[in-house]
Amino acid sequence: MRDVEPIPRFGHRRRLRVGLLGGSFNPAHEGHRHVAEQAARWLRLDQVWLLVSPGNPLKPEAGMAPFAERLASARRIADGRRVLASGVEADLGTRYTVDTMRRLTRLFPRVKFVWIMGADILDELPRWRRWTDIAGRLPFAVLPRPNYNARALAGQAAHRLRAGRRRPREALLLPGAAPGWVFLPVRENPVSATAIRRAAAEGIVP
């Protein structure tokens, strides 16, 4: 578990509040860092872990950079203390969020976890394996993504979980209080991994 060992010693006995931001990170970019920082601020998280997936079951392998390359890109946007890049899913041998969640909560029983996602993920959530189990065991925060917000908030997952939705001012109640979720009204970051890959393929240097 070397990728998740740098949990800081804060000198008190309260349980740590940790956000989990999973994804392919193909590559990691400023938009991911923006999401991590905004979630940390609203939820007062001690850390955010960037969980780099060894292989997303919902994404094609074509165009997917090697795991080591994607993990390295996540480490470049992390600071090594408050925002950590982690390849723990590869260590655990898990590919599905529901399995990763179960293992992490057992490994770190004194950590209050909250799952962080963009509106695009909320929109696709019903396609995930046992997604209602995930939402029932782990609170989550949704951040805006261009062109996805209205559709996601009117979609199947938001409708199914509407009873657990909290107001933004209640965001601090989330870690450790599943089930429940919040849509955070923060500034959108337009950067996307798809656009970065397209620019690279066309030889465009930012």
N, C-alpha and C. Protein backbone atom coordinates (compact mmCIF):
# COMPACT_ATOMS: atom_id res chain seq x y z
N MET A 1 0.82 -1.21 0.00
CA MET A 1 0.00 0.00 0.00
C MET A 1 0.86 1.27 0.00
N ARG A 2 2.01 1.20 -0.64
CA ARG A 2 2.93 2.33 -0.60
C ARG A 2 2.32 3.62 -1.13
N ASP A 3 1.33 3.51 -2.04
CA ASP A 3 0.78 4.71 -2.65
C ASP A 3 -0.17 5.47 -1.73
N VAL A 4 -0.63 4.84 -0.66
CA VAL A 4 -1.54 5.53 0.23
C VAL A 4 -0.99 5.61 1.65
N GLU A 5 0.30 5.38 1.82
CA GLU A 5 0.89 5.46 3.15
C GLU A 5 1.12 6.89 3.64
N PRO A 6 1.34 7.90 2.79
CA PRO A 6 1.70 9.22 3.31
C PRO A 6 0.54 9.97 3.95
N ILE A 7 -0.20 9.32 4.86
CA ILE A 7 -1.25 10.01 5.58
C ILE A 7 -0.60 10.85 6.66
N PRO A 8 -0.79 12.15 6.66
CA PRO A 8 -0.07 13.00 7.60
C PRO A 8 -0.50 12.77 9.03
N ARG A 9 0.41 13.00 9.95
CA ARG A 9 0.10 12.93 11.37
C ARG A 9 -0.29 14.33 11.83
N PHE A 10 -1.58 14.55 12.05
CA PHE A 10 -2.04 15.89 12.34
C PHE A 10 -1.98 16.25 13.82
N GLY A 11 -1.58 15.30 14.64
CA GLY A 11 -1.41 15.63 16.05
C GLY A 11 -2.71 15.69 16.83
N HIS A 12 -3.75 15.03 16.34
CA HIS A 12 -5.00 14.96 17.08
C HIS A 12 -5.64 13.62 16.79
N ARG A 13 -6.70 13.32 17.48
CA ARG A 13 -7.28 11.99 17.39
C ARG A 13 -8.52 11.91 16.52
N ARG A 14 -8.92 13.00 15.92
CA ARG A 14 -10.12 12.92 15.09
C ARG A 14 -9.83 12.07 13.86
N ARG A 15 -10.87 11.49 13.30
CA ARG A 15 -10.74 10.66 12.13
C ARG A 15 -10.44 11.53 10.91
N LEU A 16 -9.54 11.06 10.07
CA LEU A 16 -9.19 11.81 8.87
C LEU A 16 -10.33 11.78 7.87
N ARG A 17 -10.45 12.86 7.13
CA ARG A 17 -11.46 13.00 6.08
C ARG A 17 -10.73 12.94 4.74
N VAL A 18 -11.04 11.92 3.95
CA VAL A 18 -10.30 11.67 2.71
C VAL A 18 -11.27 11.57 1.54
N GLY A 19 -11.00 12.32 0.48
CA GLY A 19 -11.78 12.24 -0.74
C GLY A 19 -11.14 11.28 -1.72
N LEU A 20 -11.95 10.48 -2.40
CA LEU A 20 -11.48 9.53 -3.40
C LEU A 20 -11.92 10.02 -4.78
N LEU A 21 -10.96 10.35 -5.63
CA LEU A 21 -11.25 10.78 -6.98
C LEU A 21 -10.65 9.77 -7.94
N GLY A 22 -11.49 8.90 -8.48
CA GLY A 22 -11.02 7.85 -9.35
C GLY A 22 -11.14 8.21 -10.82
N GLY A 23 -10.40 7.49 -11.64
CA GLY A 23 -10.49 7.74 -13.08
C GLY A 23 -9.34 7.12 -13.83
N SER A 24 -9.41 7.26 -15.15
CA SER A 24 -8.33 6.74 -15.99
C SER A 24 -7.12 7.66 -15.98
N PHE A 25 -7.35 8.98 -15.81
CA PHE A 25 -6.27 9.97 -15.83
C PHE A 25 -5.41 9.77 -17.09
N ASN A 26 -6.07 9.90 -18.23
CA ASN A 26 -5.45 9.58 -19.52
C ASN A 26 -5.34 10.79 -20.45
N PRO A 27 -4.57 11.81 -20.07
CA PRO A 27 -3.70 11.92 -18.89
C PRO A 27 -4.40 12.73 -17.78
N ALA A 28 -3.75 12.78 -16.61
CA ALA A 28 -4.19 13.69 -15.55
C ALA A 28 -3.91 15.13 -15.99
N HIS A 29 -4.74 16.07 -15.56
CA HIS A 29 -4.59 17.45 -16.02
C HIS A 29 -5.12 18.43 -14.96
N GLU A 30 -5.05 19.71 -15.30
CA GLU A 30 -5.43 20.76 -14.36
C GLU A 30 -6.89 20.65 -13.93
N GLY A 31 -7.74 20.12 -14.80
CA GLY A 31 -9.14 19.93 -14.42
C GLY A 31 -9.29 18.97 -13.26
N HIS A 32 -8.49 17.91 -13.23
CA HIS A 32 -8.52 16.98 -12.11
C HIS A 32 -8.06 17.67 -10.83
N ARG A 33 -7.00 18.46 -10.95
CA ARG A 33 -6.49 19.17 -9.77
C ARG A 33 -7.53 20.16 -9.26
N HIS A 34 -8.22 20.84 -10.18
CA HIS A 34 -9.28 21.78 -9.81
C HIS A 34 -10.39 21.07 -9.02
N VAL A 35 -10.82 19.91 -9.51
CA VAL A 35 -11.87 19.14 -8.82
C VAL A 35 -11.40 18.75 -7.42
N ALA A 36 -10.16 18.25 -7.32
CA ALA A 36 -9.63 17.83 -6.02
C ALA A 36 -9.57 18.99 -5.04
N GLU A 37 -9.10 20.14 -5.49
CA GLU A 37 -8.95 21.29 -4.60
C GLU A 37 -10.30 21.85 -4.18
N GLN A 38 -11.23 21.93 -5.10
CA GLN A 38 -12.55 22.45 -4.76
C GLN A 38 -13.28 21.52 -3.78
N ALA A 39 -13.19 20.23 -4.03
CA ALA A 39 -13.83 19.27 -3.12
C ALA A 39 -13.19 19.34 -1.73
N ALA A 40 -11.87 19.46 -1.69
CA ALA A 40 -11.18 19.55 -0.40
C ALA A 40 -11.61 20.79 0.37
N ARG A 41 -11.81 21.89 -0.34
CA ARG A 41 -12.21 23.13 0.32
C ARG A 41 -13.64 23.04 0.85
N TRP A 42 -14.57 22.57 0.03
CA TRP A 42 -15.97 22.52 0.43
C TRP A 42 -16.22 21.48 1.53
N LEU A 43 -15.51 20.36 1.46
CA LEU A 43 -15.74 19.26 2.40
C LEU A 43 -14.74 19.25 3.55
N ARG A 44 -13.79 20.18 3.51
CA ARG A 44 -12.72 20.27 4.52
C ARG A 44 -12.02 18.92 4.67
N LEU A 45 -11.52 18.43 3.56
CA LEU A 45 -10.84 17.14 3.54
C LEU A 45 -9.38 17.30 3.93
N ASP A 46 -8.87 16.31 4.64
CA ASP A 46 -7.45 16.29 4.97
C ASP A 46 -6.61 15.91 3.75
N GLN A 47 -7.15 15.01 2.93
CA GLN A 47 -6.45 14.58 1.74
C GLN A 47 -7.46 14.24 0.65
N VAL A 48 -6.97 14.26 -0.60
CA VAL A 48 -7.69 13.69 -1.73
C VAL A 48 -6.76 12.69 -2.39
N TRP A 49 -7.25 11.47 -2.60
CA TRP A 49 -6.47 10.44 -3.27
C TRP A 49 -6.94 10.33 -4.72
N LEU A 50 -6.02 10.48 -5.66
CA LEU A 50 -6.30 10.29 -7.07
C LEU A 50 -6.10 8.80 -7.38
N LEU A 51 -7.19 8.08 -7.51
CA LEU A 51 -7.12 6.63 -7.71
C LEU A 51 -7.05 6.33 -9.21
N VAL A 52 -5.85 6.03 -9.68
CA VAL A 52 -5.64 5.78 -11.11
C VAL A 52 -6.04 4.34 -11.42
N SER A 53 -7.02 4.18 -12.28
CA SER A 53 -7.54 2.85 -12.60
C SER A 53 -6.58 2.08 -13.49
N PRO A 54 -6.30 0.81 -13.17
CA PRO A 54 -5.48 -0.02 -14.06
C PRO A 54 -6.17 -0.23 -15.41
N GLY A 55 -7.51 -0.22 -15.41
CA GLY A 55 -8.26 -0.40 -16.64
C GLY A 55 -9.74 -0.18 -16.39
N ASN A 56 -10.29 0.85 -17.01
CA ASN A 56 -11.70 1.18 -16.82
C ASN A 56 -12.55 0.23 -17.66
N PRO A 57 -13.42 -0.57 -17.03
CA PRO A 57 -14.23 -1.53 -17.78
C PRO A 57 -15.17 -0.87 -18.79
N LEU A 58 -15.47 0.42 -18.63
CA LEU A 58 -16.40 1.10 -19.53
C LEU A 58 -15.69 1.86 -20.65
N LYS A 59 -14.38 1.81 -20.67
CA LYS A 59 -13.64 2.53 -21.70
C LYS A 59 -12.82 1.57 -22.55
N PRO A 60 -12.73 1.83 -23.87
CA PRO A 60 -11.96 0.94 -24.74
C PRO A 60 -10.46 1.03 -24.44
N GLU A 61 -9.75 -0.06 -24.70
CA GLU A 61 -8.31 -0.07 -24.48
C GLU A 61 -7.59 0.76 -25.54
N ALA A 62 -8.18 0.87 -26.72
CA ALA A 62 -7.57 1.66 -27.78
C ALA A 62 -7.45 3.11 -27.34
N GLY A 63 -6.26 3.67 -27.45
CA GLY A 63 -6.03 5.04 -27.05
C GLY A 63 -5.73 5.22 -25.57
N MET A 64 -5.76 4.14 -24.79
CA MET A 64 -5.47 4.22 -23.36
C MET A 64 -3.97 4.08 -23.13
N ALA A 65 -3.36 5.08 -22.53
CA ALA A 65 -1.93 5.03 -22.25
C ALA A 65 -1.63 3.94 -21.21
N PRO A 66 -0.41 3.43 -21.16
CA PRO A 66 -0.05 2.44 -20.15
C PRO A 66 -0.30 2.97 -18.74
N PHE A 67 -0.60 2.05 -17.84
CA PHE A 67 -0.92 2.42 -16.47
C PHE A 67 0.19 3.25 -15.83
N ALA A 68 1.44 2.84 -16.01
CA ALA A 68 2.55 3.57 -15.38
C ALA A 68 2.63 5.01 -15.88
N GLU A 69 2.32 5.21 -17.14
CA GLU A 69 2.35 6.56 -17.71
C GLU A 69 1.23 7.41 -17.13
N ARG A 70 0.05 6.82 -16.97
CA ARG A 70 -1.08 7.57 -16.42
C ARG A 70 -0.87 7.89 -14.94
N LEU A 71 -0.30 6.93 -14.22
CA LEU A 71 0.01 7.18 -12.81
C LEU A 71 1.04 8.30 -12.66
N ALA A 72 2.04 8.30 -13.54
CA ALA A 72 3.05 9.36 -13.50
C ALA A 72 2.42 10.72 -13.77
N SER A 73 1.46 10.78 -14.68
CA SER A 73 0.81 12.06 -14.96
C SER A 73 0.00 12.53 -13.76
N ALA A 74 -0.61 11.59 -13.02
CA ALA A 74 -1.36 11.96 -11.82
C ALA A 74 -0.41 12.48 -10.74
N ARG A 75 0.76 11.88 -10.64
CA ARG A 75 1.73 12.34 -9.63
C ARG A 75 2.23 13.74 -9.95
N ARG A 76 2.25 14.10 -11.22
CA ARG A 76 2.71 15.44 -11.58
C ARG A 76 1.75 16.53 -11.14
N ILE A 77 0.46 16.23 -11.03
CA ILE A 77 -0.50 17.24 -10.59
C ILE A 77 -0.78 17.16 -9.10
N ALA A 78 -0.25 16.12 -8.44
CA ALA A 78 -0.43 15.98 -6.99
C ALA A 78 0.67 16.76 -6.27
N ASP A 79 0.46 16.98 -4.98
CA ASP A 79 1.50 17.67 -4.20
C ASP A 79 2.20 16.73 -3.23
N GLY A 80 1.77 15.47 -3.17
CA GLY A 80 2.43 14.49 -2.32
C GLY A 80 2.05 14.53 -0.87
N ARG A 81 1.17 15.45 -0.50
CA ARG A 81 0.76 15.54 0.91
C ARG A 81 -0.76 15.66 1.04
N ARG A 82 -1.32 16.69 0.46
CA ARG A 82 -2.78 16.87 0.54
C ARG A 82 -3.50 16.22 -0.65
N VAL A 83 -2.83 16.20 -1.79
CA VAL A 83 -3.36 15.52 -2.97
C VAL A 83 -2.35 14.45 -3.36
N LEU A 84 -2.78 13.18 -3.27
CA LEU A 84 -1.88 12.05 -3.52
C LEU A 84 -2.34 11.26 -4.73
N ALA A 85 -1.41 10.89 -5.59
CA ALA A 85 -1.70 10.00 -6.70
C ALA A 85 -1.46 8.57 -6.24
N SER A 86 -2.42 7.70 -6.51
CA SER A 86 -2.33 6.34 -5.99
C SER A 86 -2.63 5.29 -7.05
N GLY A 87 -1.80 4.26 -7.07
CA GLY A 87 -2.06 3.09 -7.91
C GLY A 87 -2.56 1.93 -7.08
N VAL A 88 -3.25 2.22 -5.99
CA VAL A 88 -3.66 1.19 -5.04
C VAL A 88 -4.59 0.16 -5.67
N GLU A 89 -5.38 0.55 -6.67
CA GLU A 89 -6.26 -0.45 -7.30
C GLU A 89 -5.45 -1.55 -7.98
N ALA A 90 -4.31 -1.19 -8.54
CA ALA A 90 -3.44 -2.21 -9.13
C ALA A 90 -2.87 -3.11 -8.04
N ASP A 91 -2.51 -2.54 -6.90
CA ASP A 91 -2.00 -3.33 -5.78
C ASP A 91 -3.06 -4.28 -5.25
N LEU A 92 -4.30 -3.78 -5.17
CA LEU A 92 -5.40 -4.58 -4.62
C LEU A 92 -5.95 -5.58 -5.63
N GLY A 93 -5.69 -5.34 -6.91
CA GLY A 93 -6.23 -6.20 -7.94
C GLY A 93 -7.71 -5.97 -8.20
N THR A 94 -8.19 -4.74 -7.94
CA THR A 94 -9.60 -4.42 -8.16
C THR A 94 -9.76 -3.59 -9.43
N ARG A 95 -10.87 -3.80 -10.13
CA ARG A 95 -11.17 -3.03 -11.33
C ARG A 95 -12.47 -2.26 -11.18
N TYR A 96 -13.30 -2.68 -10.25
CA TYR A 96 -14.60 -2.04 -10.07
C TYR A 96 -14.62 -1.24 -8.78
N THR A 97 -15.24 -0.07 -8.84
CA THR A 97 -15.28 0.83 -7.69
C THR A 97 -15.88 0.17 -6.47
N VAL A 98 -16.91 -0.63 -6.66
CA VAL A 98 -17.57 -1.26 -5.50
C VAL A 98 -16.58 -2.14 -4.74
N ASP A 99 -15.67 -2.82 -5.45
CA ASP A 99 -14.67 -3.67 -4.79
C ASP A 99 -13.57 -2.85 -4.14
N THR A 100 -13.13 -1.80 -4.83
CA THR A 100 -12.11 -0.91 -4.26
C THR A 100 -12.61 -0.26 -2.99
N MET A 101 -13.84 0.21 -3.02
CA MET A 101 -14.44 0.86 -1.86
C MET A 101 -14.47 -0.07 -0.66
N ARG A 102 -14.88 -1.30 -0.91
CA ARG A 102 -14.98 -2.27 0.19
C ARG A 102 -13.61 -2.54 0.81
N ARG A 103 -12.59 -2.68 -0.04
CA ARG A 103 -11.26 -2.97 0.47
C ARG A 103 -10.68 -1.78 1.23
N LEU A 104 -10.85 -0.58 0.70
CA LEU A 104 -10.29 0.60 1.36
C LEU A 104 -10.93 0.86 2.72
N THR A 105 -12.23 0.69 2.81
CA THR A 105 -12.90 0.93 4.10
C THR A 105 -12.47 -0.10 5.15
N ARG A 106 -12.10 -1.29 4.71
CA ARG A 106 -11.59 -2.29 5.65
C ARG A 106 -10.15 -2.00 6.04
N LEU A 107 -9.35 -1.55 5.06
CA LEU A 107 -7.94 -1.26 5.34
C LEU A 107 -7.76 -0.03 6.22
N PHE A 108 -8.67 0.94 6.07
CA PHE A 108 -8.55 2.21 6.79
C PHE A 108 -9.85 2.49 7.57
N PRO A 109 -10.11 1.70 8.61
CA PRO A 109 -11.40 1.84 9.32
C PRO A 109 -11.57 3.17 10.03
N ARG A 110 -10.49 3.90 10.27
CA ARG A 110 -10.61 5.17 10.98
C ARG A 110 -10.63 6.38 10.05
N VAL A 111 -10.70 6.12 8.75
CA VAL A 111 -10.78 7.20 7.78
C VAL A 111 -12.22 7.40 7.33
N LYS A 112 -12.66 8.64 7.29
CA LYS A 112 -13.97 8.98 6.76
C LYS A 112 -13.80 9.30 5.27
N PHE A 113 -14.28 8.41 4.43
CA PHE A 113 -14.12 8.59 3.00
C PHE A 113 -15.34 9.28 2.38
N VAL A 114 -15.08 10.05 1.34
CA VAL A 114 -16.14 10.60 0.52
C VAL A 114 -15.69 10.47 -0.93
N TRP A 115 -16.59 10.06 -1.77
CA TRP A 115 -16.30 9.80 -3.17
C TRP A 115 -16.54 11.09 -3.95
N ILE A 116 -15.60 11.46 -4.81
CA ILE A 116 -15.67 12.71 -5.58
C ILE A 116 -15.83 12.36 -7.06
N MET A 117 -16.74 13.04 -7.74
CA MET A 117 -16.94 12.78 -9.17
C MET A 117 -17.39 14.03 -9.88
N GLY A 118 -17.22 14.04 -11.19
CA GLY A 118 -17.78 15.09 -12.01
C GLY A 118 -19.20 14.74 -12.43
N ALA A 119 -19.92 15.72 -12.94
CA ALA A 119 -21.30 15.48 -13.37
C ALA A 119 -21.36 14.43 -14.48
N ASP A 120 -20.32 14.32 -15.28
CA ASP A 120 -20.31 13.30 -16.33
C ASP A 120 -20.36 11.90 -15.74
N ILE A 121 -19.74 11.70 -14.59
CA ILE A 121 -19.77 10.39 -13.94
C ILE A 121 -21.13 10.13 -13.32
N LEU A 122 -21.75 11.14 -12.74
CA LEU A 122 -23.10 10.96 -12.20
C LEU A 122 -24.05 10.53 -13.31
N ASP A 123 -23.85 11.08 -14.50
CA ASP A 123 -24.70 10.73 -15.63
C ASP A 123 -24.54 9.27 -16.04
N GLU A 124 -23.32 8.74 -15.97
CA GLU A 124 -23.09 7.36 -16.41
C GLU A 124 -23.16 6.35 -15.27
N LEU A 125 -23.38 6.81 -14.05
CA LEU A 125 -23.33 5.95 -12.88
C LEU A 125 -24.20 4.69 -12.98
N PRO A 126 -25.41 4.75 -13.54
CA PRO A 126 -26.22 3.53 -13.62
C PRO A 126 -25.59 2.41 -14.45
N ARG A 127 -24.55 2.70 -15.19
CA ARG A 127 -23.86 1.67 -15.97
C ARG A 127 -22.79 0.96 -15.14
N TRP A 128 -22.52 1.47 -13.94
CA TRP A 128 -21.47 0.89 -13.11
C TRP A 128 -21.97 -0.36 -12.40
N ARG A 129 -21.08 -1.27 -12.14
CA ARG A 129 -21.42 -2.49 -11.40
C ARG A 129 -21.86 -2.15 -9.98
N ARG A 130 -23.06 -2.58 -9.60
CA ARG A 130 -23.62 -2.42 -8.26
C ARG A 130 -23.52 -0.98 -7.77
N TRP A 131 -23.92 -0.07 -8.62
CA TRP A 131 -23.77 1.35 -8.31
C TRP A 131 -24.60 1.77 -7.11
N THR A 132 -25.74 1.14 -6.89
CA THR A 132 -26.55 1.52 -5.73
C THR A 132 -25.88 1.08 -4.43
N ASP A 133 -25.10 0.00 -4.48
CA ASP A 133 -24.34 -0.41 -3.29
C ASP A 133 -23.29 0.63 -2.95
N ILE A 134 -22.63 1.16 -3.99
CA ILE A 134 -21.61 2.19 -3.76
C ILE A 134 -22.25 3.42 -3.12
N ALA A 135 -23.35 3.89 -3.71
CA ALA A 135 -24.02 5.10 -3.21
C ALA A 135 -24.62 4.88 -1.84
N GLY A 136 -24.94 3.64 -1.50
CA GLY A 136 -25.52 3.36 -0.20
C GLY A 136 -24.50 3.24 0.91
N ARG A 137 -23.24 3.07 0.55
CA ARG A 137 -22.19 2.86 1.56
C ARG A 137 -21.22 4.03 1.67
N LEU A 138 -21.13 4.83 0.60
CA LEU A 138 -20.15 5.90 0.60
C LEU A 138 -20.81 7.20 0.15
N PRO A 139 -20.69 8.28 0.94
CA PRO A 139 -21.24 9.56 0.51
C PRO A 139 -20.44 10.09 -0.67
N PHE A 140 -21.04 10.95 -1.48
CA PHE A 140 -20.29 11.47 -2.61
C PHE A 140 -20.65 12.91 -2.92
N ALA A 141 -19.69 13.59 -3.55
CA ALA A 141 -19.85 14.98 -3.97
C ALA A 141 -19.69 15.04 -5.47
N VAL A 142 -20.58 15.77 -6.11
CA VAL A 142 -20.56 15.93 -7.57
C VAL A 142 -20.16 17.36 -7.90
N LEU A 143 -19.22 17.51 -8.83
CA LEU A 143 -18.79 18.84 -9.26
C LEU A 143 -19.18 19.06 -10.71
N PRO A 144 -19.46 20.30 -11.09
CA PRO A 144 -19.93 20.60 -12.45
C PRO A 144 -18.92 20.21 -13.52
N ARG A 145 -19.46 19.77 -14.66
CA ARG A 145 -18.65 19.50 -15.85
C ARG A 145 -19.37 20.09 -17.04
N PRO A 146 -18.68 20.77 -17.94
CA PRO A 146 -19.34 21.38 -19.09
C PRO A 146 -20.19 20.40 -19.88
N ASN A 147 -21.42 20.81 -20.17
CA ASN A 147 -22.35 20.06 -21.02
C ASN A 147 -22.98 18.84 -20.35
N TYR A 148 -22.73 18.62 -19.07
CA TYR A 148 -23.27 17.44 -18.40
C TYR A 148 -24.21 17.76 -17.24
N ASN A 149 -24.16 18.95 -16.69
CA ASN A 149 -24.81 19.22 -15.42
C ASN A 149 -26.32 18.99 -15.44
N ALA A 150 -27.02 19.62 -16.38
CA ALA A 150 -28.47 19.50 -16.43
C ALA A 150 -28.89 18.06 -16.67
N ARG A 151 -28.22 17.38 -17.61
CA ARG A 151 -28.57 15.99 -17.92
C ARG A 151 -28.33 15.08 -16.72
N ALA A 152 -27.20 15.28 -16.03
CA ALA A 152 -26.88 14.43 -14.88
C ALA A 152 -27.89 14.62 -13.75
N LEU A 153 -28.26 15.87 -13.47
CA LEU A 153 -29.18 16.14 -12.37
C LEU A 153 -30.61 15.73 -12.69
N ALA A 154 -30.91 15.50 -13.96
CA ALA A 154 -32.23 15.01 -14.35
C ALA A 154 -32.21 13.52 -14.68
N GLY A 155 -31.05 12.88 -14.48
CA GLY A 155 -30.87 11.51 -14.89
C GLY A 155 -31.31 10.48 -13.87
N GLN A 156 -31.10 9.23 -14.23
CA GLN A 156 -31.56 8.10 -13.42
C GLN A 156 -30.94 8.06 -12.03
N ALA A 157 -29.62 8.28 -11.95
CA ALA A 157 -28.96 8.19 -10.65
C ALA A 157 -29.45 9.28 -9.71
N ALA A 158 -29.51 10.52 -10.20
CA ALA A 158 -29.97 11.63 -9.35
C ALA A 158 -31.41 11.41 -8.91
N HIS A 159 -32.23 10.88 -9.81
CA HIS A 159 -33.63 10.62 -9.44
C HIS A 159 -33.73 9.51 -8.40
N ARG A 160 -32.99 8.45 -8.61
CA ARG A 160 -33.04 7.31 -7.68
C ARG A 160 -32.53 7.70 -6.30
N LEU A 161 -31.56 8.61 -6.25
CA LEU A 161 -30.93 8.98 -4.98
C LEU A 161 -31.39 10.34 -4.46
N ARG A 162 -32.51 10.83 -4.96
CA ARG A 162 -32.94 12.19 -4.63
C ARG A 162 -33.19 12.39 -3.14
N ALA A 163 -33.58 11.35 -2.43
CA ALA A 163 -33.85 11.49 -1.00
C ALA A 163 -32.58 11.78 -0.20
N GLY A 164 -31.42 11.39 -0.75
CA GLY A 164 -30.17 11.60 -0.03
C GLY A 164 -29.42 12.86 -0.43
N ARG A 165 -30.00 13.65 -1.33
CA ARG A 165 -29.29 14.85 -1.78
C ARG A 165 -29.32 15.93 -0.70
N ARG A 166 -28.17 16.53 -0.44
CA ARG A 166 -28.05 17.60 0.54
C ARG A 166 -27.80 18.93 -0.14
N ARG A 167 -28.09 19.99 0.57
CA ARG A 167 -27.79 21.33 0.07
C ARG A 167 -26.27 21.56 0.16
N PRO A 168 -25.73 22.44 -0.69
CA PRO A 168 -24.29 22.71 -0.63
C PRO A 168 -23.81 23.12 0.75
N ARG A 169 -24.62 23.89 1.48
CA ARG A 169 -24.16 24.32 2.80
C ARG A 169 -24.07 23.16 3.80
N GLU A 170 -24.62 22.00 3.43
CA GLU A 170 -24.53 20.83 4.29
C GLU A 170 -23.39 19.89 3.87
N ALA A 171 -22.54 20.35 2.97
CA ALA A 171 -21.48 19.50 2.44
C ALA A 171 -20.57 18.95 3.54
N LEU A 172 -20.36 19.73 4.58
CA LEU A 172 -19.46 19.29 5.66
C LEU A 172 -19.98 18.06 6.40
N LEU A 173 -21.27 17.77 6.24
CA LEU A 173 -21.85 16.62 6.92
C LEU A 173 -21.56 15.32 6.19
N LEU A 174 -21.07 15.40 4.96
CA LEU A 174 -20.98 14.20 4.13
C LEU A 174 -19.99 13.15 4.60
N PRO A 175 -18.71 13.45 4.76
CA PRO A 175 -17.78 12.36 5.07
C PRO A 175 -18.22 11.55 6.28
N GLY A 176 -18.34 10.24 6.08
CA GLY A 176 -18.74 9.36 7.17
C GLY A 176 -20.22 9.30 7.42
N ALA A 177 -21.03 9.89 6.53
CA ALA A 177 -22.48 9.95 6.77
C ALA A 177 -23.27 9.39 5.60
N ALA A 178 -22.84 8.25 5.05
CA ALA A 178 -23.56 7.64 3.92
C ALA A 178 -24.91 7.13 4.40
N PRO A 179 -25.91 7.08 3.53
CA PRO A 179 -25.87 7.60 2.17
C PRO A 179 -26.17 9.11 2.14
N GLY A 180 -25.69 9.77 1.15
CA GLY A 180 -25.94 11.18 0.98
C GLY A 180 -25.02 11.73 -0.09
N TRP A 181 -25.46 12.81 -0.75
CA TRP A 181 -24.62 13.38 -1.79
C TRP A 181 -24.97 14.85 -1.96
N VAL A 182 -24.07 15.57 -2.63
CA VAL A 182 -24.26 17.00 -2.82
C VAL A 182 -23.71 17.38 -4.19
N PHE A 183 -24.37 18.33 -4.83
CA PHE A 183 -23.86 18.93 -6.06
C PHE A 183 -23.27 20.28 -5.67
N LEU A 184 -21.97 20.45 -5.88
CA LEU A 184 -21.28 21.65 -5.41
C LEU A 184 -21.29 22.73 -6.51
N PRO A 185 -21.75 23.93 -6.19
CA PRO A 185 -21.85 24.99 -7.19
C PRO A 185 -20.54 25.74 -7.38
N VAL A 186 -19.55 25.04 -7.94
CA VAL A 186 -18.23 25.64 -8.11
C VAL A 186 -18.01 25.98 -9.58
N ARG A 187 -16.98 26.76 -9.82
CA ARG A 187 -16.61 27.12 -11.19
C ARG A 187 -16.21 25.87 -11.97
N GLU A 188 -16.67 25.78 -13.21
CA GLU A 188 -16.29 24.67 -14.07
C GLU A 188 -14.88 24.87 -14.62
N ASN A 189 -14.18 23.77 -14.81
CA ASN A 189 -12.90 23.80 -15.50
C ASN A 189 -13.09 23.08 -16.84
N PRO A 190 -12.83 23.77 -17.96
CA PRO A 190 -13.14 23.19 -19.26
C PRO A 190 -12.12 22.18 -19.80
N VAL A 191 -11.00 22.01 -19.12
CA VAL A 191 -9.95 21.12 -19.61
C VAL A 191 -10.46 19.68 -19.60
N SER A 192 -10.16 18.93 -20.65
CA SER A 192 -10.55 17.52 -20.71
C SER A 192 -9.39 16.70 -21.26
N ALA A 193 -9.32 15.44 -20.80
CA ALA A 193 -8.28 14.54 -21.29
C ALA A 193 -8.47 14.26 -22.78
N THR A 194 -9.71 14.18 -23.22
CA THR A 194 -9.98 13.93 -24.64
C THR A 194 -9.38 15.03 -25.50
N ALA A 195 -9.60 16.29 -25.09
CA ALA A 195 -9.06 17.42 -25.85
C ALA A 195 -7.54 17.42 -25.84
N ILE A 196 -6.94 17.05 -24.71
CA ILE A 196 -5.49 17.00 -24.61
C ILE A 196 -4.93 15.93 -25.56
N ARG A 197 -5.56 14.76 -25.60
CA ARG A 197 -5.10 13.70 -26.49
C ARG A 197 -5.27 14.10 -27.95
N ARG A 198 -6.38 14.76 -28.26
CA ARG A 198 -6.62 15.19 -29.63
C ARG A 198 -5.56 16.21 -30.06
N ALA A 199 -5.25 17.14 -29.17
CA ALA A 199 -4.24 18.15 -29.49
C ALA A 199 -2.87 17.50 -29.69
N ALA A 200 -2.56 16.52 -28.85
CA ALA A 200 -1.28 15.83 -28.98
C ALA A 200 -1.18 15.08 -30.31
N ALA A 201 -2.31 14.46 -30.70
CA ALA A 201 -2.33 13.73 -31.96
C ALA A 201 -2.14 14.66 -33.15
N GLU A 202 -2.58 15.89 -33.01
CA GLU A 202 -2.47 16.87 -34.09
C GLU A 202 -1.17 17.67 -34.01
N GLY A 203 -0.33 17.33 -33.01
CA GLY A 203 0.94 18.00 -32.88
C GLY A 203 0.86 19.40 -32.31
N ILE A 204 -0.24 19.68 -31.60
CA ILE A 204 -0.42 21.01 -31.00
C ILE A 204 0.18 20.99 -29.61
N VAL A 205 1.08 21.91 -29.33
CA VAL A 205 1.71 22.00 -28.01
C VAL A 205 1.07 23.14 -27.25
N PRO A 206 0.48 22.87 -26.04
CA PRO A 206 -0.14 23.95 -25.26
C PRO A 206 0.84 25.07 -24.94
